[in-house]
């Protein structure tokens, strides 16, 4: 799409990557799903710190 052209061009030209951040988000979401989405902040925080 034409409105996405600038973003795609920048993504291909720049060396910046948010891969580590996305990996952390994916890991946290996986842990939350393993806890059957009943994870409130304290138990989820404890589980993240233990991993």
PDB file of N, CA and C in Angstrom:
ATOM      1  N   UNK A   1       0.841  -1.174   0.000  1.00  0.00           N
ATOM      2  CA  UNK A   1       0.000   0.000   0.000  1.00  0.00           C
ATOM      3  C   UNK A   1       0.891   1.244   0.000  1.00  0.00           C
ATOM      4  N   UNK A   2       0.489   2.254  -0.673  1.00  0.00           N
ATOM      5  CA  UNK A   2       1.333   3.451  -0.769  1.00  0.00           C
ATOM      6  C   UNK A   2       1.605   4.116   0.583  1.00  0.00           C
ATOM      7  N   UNK A   3       0.664   4.109   1.499  1.00  0.00           N
ATOM      8  CA  UNK A   3       0.882   4.772   2.785  1.00  0.00           C
ATOM      9  C   UNK A   3       1.895   4.020   3.652  1.00  0.00           C
ATOM     10  N   UNK A   4       2.169   2.762   3.335  1.00  0.00           N
ATOM     11  CA  UNK A   4       3.141   1.969   4.092  1.00  0.00           C
ATOM     12  C   UNK A   4       4.539   2.008   3.480  1.00  0.00           C
ATOM     13  N   UNK A   5       4.687   2.637   2.356  1.00  0.00           N
ATOM     14  CA  UNK A   5       5.964   2.612   1.657  1.00  0.00           C
ATOM     15  C   UNK A   5       7.093   3.224   2.489  1.00  0.00           C
ATOM     16  N   UNK A   6       6.838   4.330   3.161  1.00  0.00           N
ATOM     17  CA  UNK A   6       7.883   4.971   3.970  1.00  0.00           C
ATOM     18  C   UNK A   6       8.319   4.056   5.110  1.00  0.00           C
ATOM     19  N   UNK A   7       7.380   3.384   5.748  1.00  0.00           N
ATOM     20  CA  UNK A   7       7.712   2.488   6.858  1.00  0.00           C
ATOM     21  C   UNK A   7       8.522   1.292   6.364  1.00  0.00           C
ATOM     22  N   UNK A   8       8.143   0.729   5.240  1.00  0.00           N
ATOM     23  CA  UNK A   8       8.866  -0.419   4.689  1.00  0.00           C
ATOM     24  C   UNK A   8      10.273  -0.011   4.272  1.00  0.00           C
ATOM     25  N   UNK A   9      10.401   1.143   3.647  1.00  0.00           N
ATOM     26  CA  UNK A   9      11.712   1.632   3.229  1.00  0.00           C
ATOM     27  C   UNK A   9      12.617   1.850   4.445  1.00  0.00           C
ATOM     28  N   UNK A  10      12.076   2.456   5.494  1.00  0.00           N
ATOM     29  CA  UNK A  10      12.860   2.688   6.708  1.00  0.00           C
ATOM     30  C   UNK A  10      13.256   1.367   7.360  1.00  0.00           C
ATOM     31  N   UNK A  11      12.368   0.398   7.366  1.00  0.00           N
ATOM     32  CA  UNK A  11      12.666  -0.899   7.974  1.00  0.00           C
ATOM     33  C   UNK A  11      13.789  -1.614   7.242  1.00  0.00           C
ATOM     34  N   UNK A  12      13.845  -1.462   5.936  1.00  0.00           N
ATOM     35  CA  UNK A  12      14.893  -2.121   5.162  1.00  0.00           C
ATOM     36  C   UNK A  12      16.218  -1.370   5.215  1.00  0.00           C
ATOM     37  N   UNK A  13      16.174  -0.088   5.427  1.00  0.00           N
ATOM     38  CA  UNK A  13      17.380   0.727   5.384  1.00  0.00           C
ATOM     39  C   UNK A  13      18.063   0.855   6.748  1.00  0.00           C
ATOM     40  N   UNK A  14      17.292   0.912   7.819  1.00  0.00           N
ATOM     41  CA  UNK A  14      17.874   1.134   9.148  1.00  0.00           C
ATOM     42  C   UNK A  14      18.311  -0.178   9.782  1.00  0.00           C
ATOM     43  N   UNK A  15      19.285  -0.089  10.673  1.00  0.00           N
ATOM     44  CA  UNK A  15      19.793  -1.276  11.351  1.00  0.00           C
ATOM     45  C   UNK A  15      19.060  -1.549  12.657  1.00  0.00           C
ATOM     46  N   UNK A  16      18.134  -0.684  13.025  1.00  0.00           N
ATOM     47  CA  UNK A  16      17.403  -0.827  14.283  1.00  0.00           C
ATOM     48  C   UNK A  16      16.484  -2.038  14.217  1.00  0.00           C
ATOM     49  N   UNK A  17      16.441  -2.805  15.303  1.00  0.00           N
ATOM     50  CA  UNK A  17      15.561  -3.960  15.371  1.00  0.00           C
ATOM     51  C   UNK A  17      14.900  -4.005  16.740  1.00  0.00           C
ATOM     52  N   UNK A  18      13.613  -4.293  16.781  1.00  0.00           N
ATOM     53  CA  UNK A  18      12.919  -4.443  18.055  1.00  0.00           C
ATOM     54  C   UNK A  18      12.666  -5.922  18.339  1.00  0.00           C
ATOM     55  N   UNK A  19      13.476  -6.793  17.760  1.00  0.00           N
ATOM     56  CA  UNK A  19      13.345  -8.230  17.964  1.00  0.00           C
ATOM     57  C   UNK A  19      13.431  -8.662  19.415  1.00  0.00           C
ATOM     58  N   UNK A  20      14.434  -8.178  20.178  1.00  0.00           N
ATOM     59  CA  UNK A  20      14.511  -8.580  21.590  1.00  0.00           C
ATOM     60  C   UNK A  20      13.277  -8.169  22.389  1.00  0.00           C
ATOM     61  N   UNK A  21      12.747  -6.994  22.111  1.00  0.00           N
ATOM     62  CA  UNK A  21      11.544  -6.529  22.816  1.00  0.00           C
ATOM     63  C   UNK A  21      10.360  -7.410  22.459  1.00  0.00           C
ATOM     64  N   UNK A  22      10.201  -7.735  21.191  1.00  0.00           N
ATOM     65  CA  UNK A  22       9.094  -8.587  20.772  1.00  0.00           C
ATOM     66  C   UNK A  22       9.234  -9.985  21.359  1.00  0.00           C
ATOM     67  N   UNK A  23      10.460 -10.470  21.464  1.00  0.00           N
ATOM     68  CA  UNK A  23      10.679 -11.780  22.065  1.00  0.00           C
ATOM     69  C   UNK A  23      10.272 -11.806  23.524  1.00  0.00           C
ATOM     70  N   UNK A  24      10.574 -10.730  24.249  1.00  0.00           N
ATOM     71  CA  UNK A  24      10.178 -10.637  25.656  1.00  0.00           C
ATOM     72  C   UNK A  24       8.667 -10.592  25.780  1.00  0.00           C
ATOM     73  N   UNK A  25       8.006  -9.813  24.934  1.00  0.00           N
ATOM     74  CA  UNK A  25       6.538  -9.743  24.971  1.00  0.00           C
ATOM     75  C   UNK A  25       5.922 -11.102  24.683  1.00  0.00           C
ATOM     76  N   UNK A  26       6.463 -11.819  23.717  1.00  0.00           N
ATOM     77  CA  UNK A  26       5.941 -13.141  23.375  1.00  0.00           C
ATOM     78  C   UNK A  26       6.106 -14.106  24.547  1.00  0.00           C
ATOM     79  N   UNK A  27       7.255 -14.033  25.222  1.00  0.00           N
ATOM     80  CA  UNK A  27       7.505 -14.907  26.368  1.00  0.00           C
ATOM     81  C   UNK A  27       6.516 -14.625  27.499  1.00  0.00           C
ATOM     82  N   UNK A  28       6.261 -13.352  27.781  1.00  0.00           N
ATOM     83  CA  UNK A  28       5.319 -12.983  28.844  1.00  0.00           C
ATOM     84  C   UNK A  28       3.910 -13.445  28.488  1.00  0.00           C
ATOM     85  N   UNK A  29       3.500 -13.271  27.247  1.00  0.00           N
ATOM     86  CA  UNK A  29       2.170 -13.724  26.825  1.00  0.00           C
ATOM     87  C   UNK A  29       2.043 -15.234  26.933  1.00  0.00           C
ATOM     88  N   UNK A  30       3.113 -15.966  26.620  1.00  0.00           N
ATOM     89  CA  UNK A  30       3.087 -17.416  26.742  1.00  0.00           C
ATOM     90  C   UNK A  30       2.910 -17.825  28.204  1.00  0.00           C
ATOM     91  N   UNK A  31       3.652 -17.183  29.100  1.00  0.00           N
ATOM     92  CA  UNK A  31       3.520 -17.490  30.518  1.00  0.00           C
ATOM     93  C   UNK A  31       2.107 -17.191  31.022  1.00  0.00           C
ATOM     94  N   UNK A  32       1.543 -16.098  30.555  1.00  0.00           N
ATOM     95  CA  UNK A  32       0.191 -15.734  30.970  1.00  0.00           C
ATOM     96  C   UNK A  32      -0.824 -16.760  30.462  1.00  0.00           C
ATOM     97  N   UNK A  33      -0.654 -17.214  29.231  1.00  0.00           N
ATOM     98  CA  UNK A  33      -1.570 -18.226  28.696  1.00  0.00           C
ATOM     99  C   UNK A  33      -1.437 -19.542  29.448  1.00  0.00           C
ATOM    100  N   UNK A  34      -0.212 -19.880  29.869  1.00  0.00           N
ATOM    101  CA  UNK A  34      -0.014 -21.109  30.624  1.00  0.00           C
ATOM    102  C   UNK A  34      -0.707 -21.052  31.981  1.00  0.00           C
ATOM    103  N   UNK A  35      -0.927 -19.848  32.475  1.00  0.00           N
ATOM    104  CA  UNK A  35      -1.614 -19.674  33.754  1.00  0.00           C
ATOM    105  C   UNK A  35      -3.115 -19.494  33.516  1.00  0.00           C
ATOM    106  N   UNK A  36      -3.592 -19.857  32.342  1.00  0.00           N
ATOM    107  CA  UNK A  36      -5.009 -19.818  31.977  1.00  0.00           C
ATOM    108  C   UNK A  36      -5.598 -18.424  32.085  1.00  0.00           C
ATOM    109  N   UNK A  37      -4.813 -17.411  31.786  1.00  0.00           N
ATOM    110  CA  UNK A  37      -5.241 -16.007  31.777  1.00  0.00           C
ATOM    111  C   UNK A  37      -5.802 -15.552  33.114  1.00  0.00           C
ATOM    112  N   UNK A  38      -5.522 -16.274  34.169  1.00  0.00           N
ATOM    113  CA  UNK A  38      -5.962 -15.859  35.496  1.00  0.00           C
ATOM    114  C   UNK A  38      -4.847 -15.144  36.232  1.00  0.00           C
ATOM    115  N   UNK A  39      -3.775 -14.865  35.511  1.00  0.00           N
ATOM    116  CA  UNK A  39      -2.597 -14.282  36.151  1.00  0.00           C
ATOM    117  C   UNK A  39      -2.830 -12.803  36.404  1.00  0.00           C
ATOM    118  N   UNK A  40      -2.893 -12.451  37.645  1.00  0.00           N
ATOM    119  CA  UNK A  40      -2.875 -11.049  38.015  1.00  0.00           C
ATOM    120  C   UNK A  40      -1.415 -10.649  38.127  1.00  0.00           C
ATOM    121  N   UNK A  41      -1.159  -9.412  38.421  1.00  0.00           N
ATOM    122  CA  UNK A  41       0.218  -8.939  38.365  1.00  0.00           C
ATOM    123  C   UNK A  41       1.175  -9.650  39.326  1.00  0.00           C
ATOM    124  N   UNK A  42       0.859  -9.813  40.627  1.00  0.00           N
ATOM    125  CA  UNK A  42       1.856 -10.426  41.524  1.00  0.00           C
ATOM    126  C   UNK A  42       2.286 -11.854  41.127  1.00  0.00           C
ATOM    127  N   UNK A  43       1.352 -12.787  40.856  1.00  0.00           N
ATOM    128  CA  UNK A  43       1.837 -14.121  40.473  1.00  0.00           C
ATOM    129  C   UNK A  43       2.529 -14.140  39.109  1.00  0.00           C
ATOM    130  N   UNK A  44       2.051 -13.323  38.192  1.00  0.00           N
ATOM    131  CA  UNK A  44       2.687 -13.263  36.879  1.00  0.00           C
ATOM    132  C   UNK A  44       4.098 -12.690  37.007  1.00  0.00           C
ATOM    133  N   UNK A  45       4.264 -11.646  37.817  1.00  0.00           N
ATOM    134  CA  UNK A  45       5.575 -11.055  38.042  1.00  0.00           C
ATOM    135  C   UNK A  45       6.520 -12.082  38.652  1.00  0.00           C
ATOM    136  N   UNK A  46       6.046 -12.842  39.615  1.00  0.00           N
ATOM    137  CA  UNK A  46       6.874 -13.849  40.255  1.00  0.00           C
ATOM    138  C   UNK A  46       7.309 -14.903  39.244  1.00  0.00           C
ATOM    139  N   UNK A  47       6.404 -15.324  38.399  1.00  0.00           N
ATOM    140  CA  UNK A  47       6.730 -16.351  37.408  1.00  0.00           C
ATOM    141  C   UNK A  47       7.733 -15.836  36.376  1.00  0.00           C
ATOM    142  N   UNK A  48       7.581 -14.568  35.990  1.00  0.00           N
ATOM    143  CA  UNK A  48       8.511 -13.977  35.024  1.00  0.00           C
ATOM    144  C   UNK A  48       9.903 -13.872  35.640  1.00  0.00           C
ATOM    145  N   UNK A  49       9.968 -13.464  36.902  1.00  0.00           N
ATOM    146  CA  UNK A  49      11.272 -13.331  37.548  1.00  0.00           C
ATOM    147  C   UNK A  49      11.961 -14.674  37.753  1.00  0.00           C
ATOM    148  N   UNK A  50      11.197 -15.741  37.913  1.00  0.00           N
ATOM    149  CA  UNK A  50      11.781 -17.060  38.102  1.00  0.00           C
ATOM    150  C   UNK A  50      12.263 -17.685  36.790  1.00  0.00           C
ATOM    151  N   UNK A  51      11.764 -17.202  35.667  1.00  0.00           N
ATOM    152  CA  UNK A  51      12.198 -17.739  34.367  1.00  0.00           C
ATOM    153  C   UNK A  51      13.395 -17.042  33.828  1.00  0.00           C
TER     154      UNK A  51
END
